[in-house]
Each structure stands twice: as structure tokens, then as C-alpha cells.
Amino acid sequence: MNILVIALSGIGDALMFTPSLEKLSEEIPTAEIDVLVMFKGVKDIYEKLPQVSKVRYFDFLNSSKLKSLSYILKLRNKYDATINVYPSNRREYNIISRVIGAEKRLAIKYLRKDFLNFGFLNNIRLLENDNFHNVEENFSLCEKLIGKKLDPIPALKLNLRNDDIAFTNNFFKSKSISNSDIVIGFHPGCSTLKNHEKRRWEAAKFAELGKKLIHDYNARVLLFGGSDEENLKSIIFAKIDSQNVYSVNAQSLSNSAAVMQRCNLFITNDSSLMHVAAALKLNIVAIIGPTNKNYIYPWQTNYKIASLNLDCSPCFYYSPKPLTCSRSDLKFKCIKELSVDLVYEKAKEFLAIKI
């Protein structure tokens, strides 16, 4: 069987398909499993996994419709099955699945905007369940393709190579961070697509939290983020104003992950690096505002969720529409009024343990 995994959404979504990828490879060992991606970070994850035969990378976002169609047509009738990684509730992804033309086209049937986004172009579907984690939704598709119940669901998969380890060794040596130091990672960013920057906890609050952790634990605070998040990191770096804070400027996702692996604790927004931290089995404090926590809590690792748990939350479910807030008193109160003290208390629950 030739299988194409259509993983055109982000890094976190790609990681949350990796348990299914492992099971597919185990249950159909003769299968050729390719993956179609459009983000370099996703390519970085999948090309290091032994279960993947080929990573097909194409920059759909910056290519014309004609070039994109031409690329997809080259894949037509090459596969017996395609799987649209959950969540992929976009018209374009479903059209791509149909044009490729596999006999079996697996995807979730979404509770919101499914018909308008041409979900019907897939012919093997399972109804979305708001109580399921993303990993579980993906795994249900895997079970459907294989034709039997599978148990247990594996952990997220993220492989590092020697160059990643060399990068992290050089980083810690250059910063004079020893094995006995308490190292805490921050990720203050998240996706900006569809107004999702509204999920971000304020940079100033990350800075205040960093000051407390440095003062109380003599922690070494590492700031993580992509090239588009350098401004956020710069704000936090300047506001903390301490020799114990460092910006991690990695050349790849796996370089960042290798440095993250050393963290005793990782404090993060609802973001792709939260799932990277879960794949690394780190202790995580996840700062969650409008998102349905059932979907995205850190998978199979120790975590605490910092949330106000407002009556109006969660209000973000998977849909193509931009993130909005219906409150009349304070828009996105769930994240804007989430205090430094609340996050600090969650962090202390991990730091009270000898680490």
C-alpha cells in the first residue's frame, strides 16, 4: 500500500500525527508512507523519522495557484490512500486530497463548516469529537484505515541528530550553563494566522515571571521562538535585564528542540513548541486562554495548565474563521487577566520537586 499523509498545517499538528505514523508503519510494514508538507519546520520533523519513505515539500503559501496545481497533478494516482492530518478543516486541503485521487481518502468530518470546506471530497470519514485530543482524532483515522482497534496510543515522536546535539553542547558551553543549573524555557509566541496572536500571554508578563524565577531559584531562563518572534524575545530579554536570561537563536526546529531537551521546566503559550516539549517529555506549564484544552493539552508528559477557566471558555474550536471574542467587558479576558502569580504557582509545583 502506498499512503500519502497530507500534513499541510503547522508543526504542532504534524507532531500530533506521529503516534499514528508509528502505528501505521507497525501494522502495515510493507507500506510506503510519504508525507506532503509546506512548512520547513514540519519537513524537519518528518525527514528524521524512519517510518517516512519520502517527505514531499512544496511552498503552497508562496506559490501561484497554477504552480501548486501542477505540483499536485504530478502526485495524481500514485497513492492507494491519503490521510488529511487533523485538524485540516480547509477547502484547499480537501481539494488537494481529491485531485491526488487516492481510492481511500481519509479525513475527519468536522462539526463546524465541514460542507462549506468541501469535506465531502473525502470518502472515508469519522465524526469530530470535541472531547478527543488531536492525537486521538488522528489515531481514529489510522484505526479506520487498518480496520481494527489499536492500543495503546504511542507518545509523540521527535528525533534529533548529531548536529543537533553538537549545537546544544556549544550553546550551553558558550553560556556557561552547567548541569547543576535550573534551566527554564519560555515560548512567548504562537501562530499568528487567523488572529491567533490573541492567544498569546503578554511579553511583559513573561518578563515579570522570569524575574521571579531568577530571583527565587537562580534559574537560567531560555527564550525560544522562530525568526518572526525575535521582537517578542527582545522585549522579554530587555525587561528581565539579567545575566541569567538567554535568547536561543537556532537554525532549525531540531536545533531548538535539542536545547529544549535540557530544560527542567518549559513555560509556554498554546503553541507548536508546547508540543515539541511534550515530545521531549519535559515538565510543562501551558498557558491556555480560548482554546479547547481537550484538543491540545501536552500529550503523555507531566504538565500543569494555567487558565482562568472562565464560563465563556473554551470559545475556540476548529473552524476556518478567525479567532474572535464575544465578551463585552474585556476582549480575550481569558488571557489578558491571567496573572503572573497564577503561572508562577504552577511553576512552583514542579520546582518544589528536586530537579
Foldseek 3Di string as FASTA:
>chain_A
DEEEEEEADDLQLLLLLQLLLVVLCVLCVVYAYEYEYADVQSVLFPVPDPSHNYYHYDNPVPDDPVVVLVVLLVLAPVGQEYEYGPPDQALVSLVSQLNSPHPAYEYEQEPPCRVVSPVVSGDHYHYDDLLAASSVRSNVSSCVVSVHDDDDRDFGDGDADPVLLVLLVVVCVVLVPDLPAAEEEEEQAADPPLNVRLQGFALLLVLVLVLVCCVPRVHQYEYDDDPVCVVSVVVSCVSNVDSSYYYDDDPHPSSVLSNLLSHQEYEYEQHSVLQSCLNSQHEYEYEGFQDSCSHGPRPPHHYHYQWPPDPCHNPDDDDNHGDFAPDPPDTSCGRHVRHSVSSSVRVVVSVVDDD
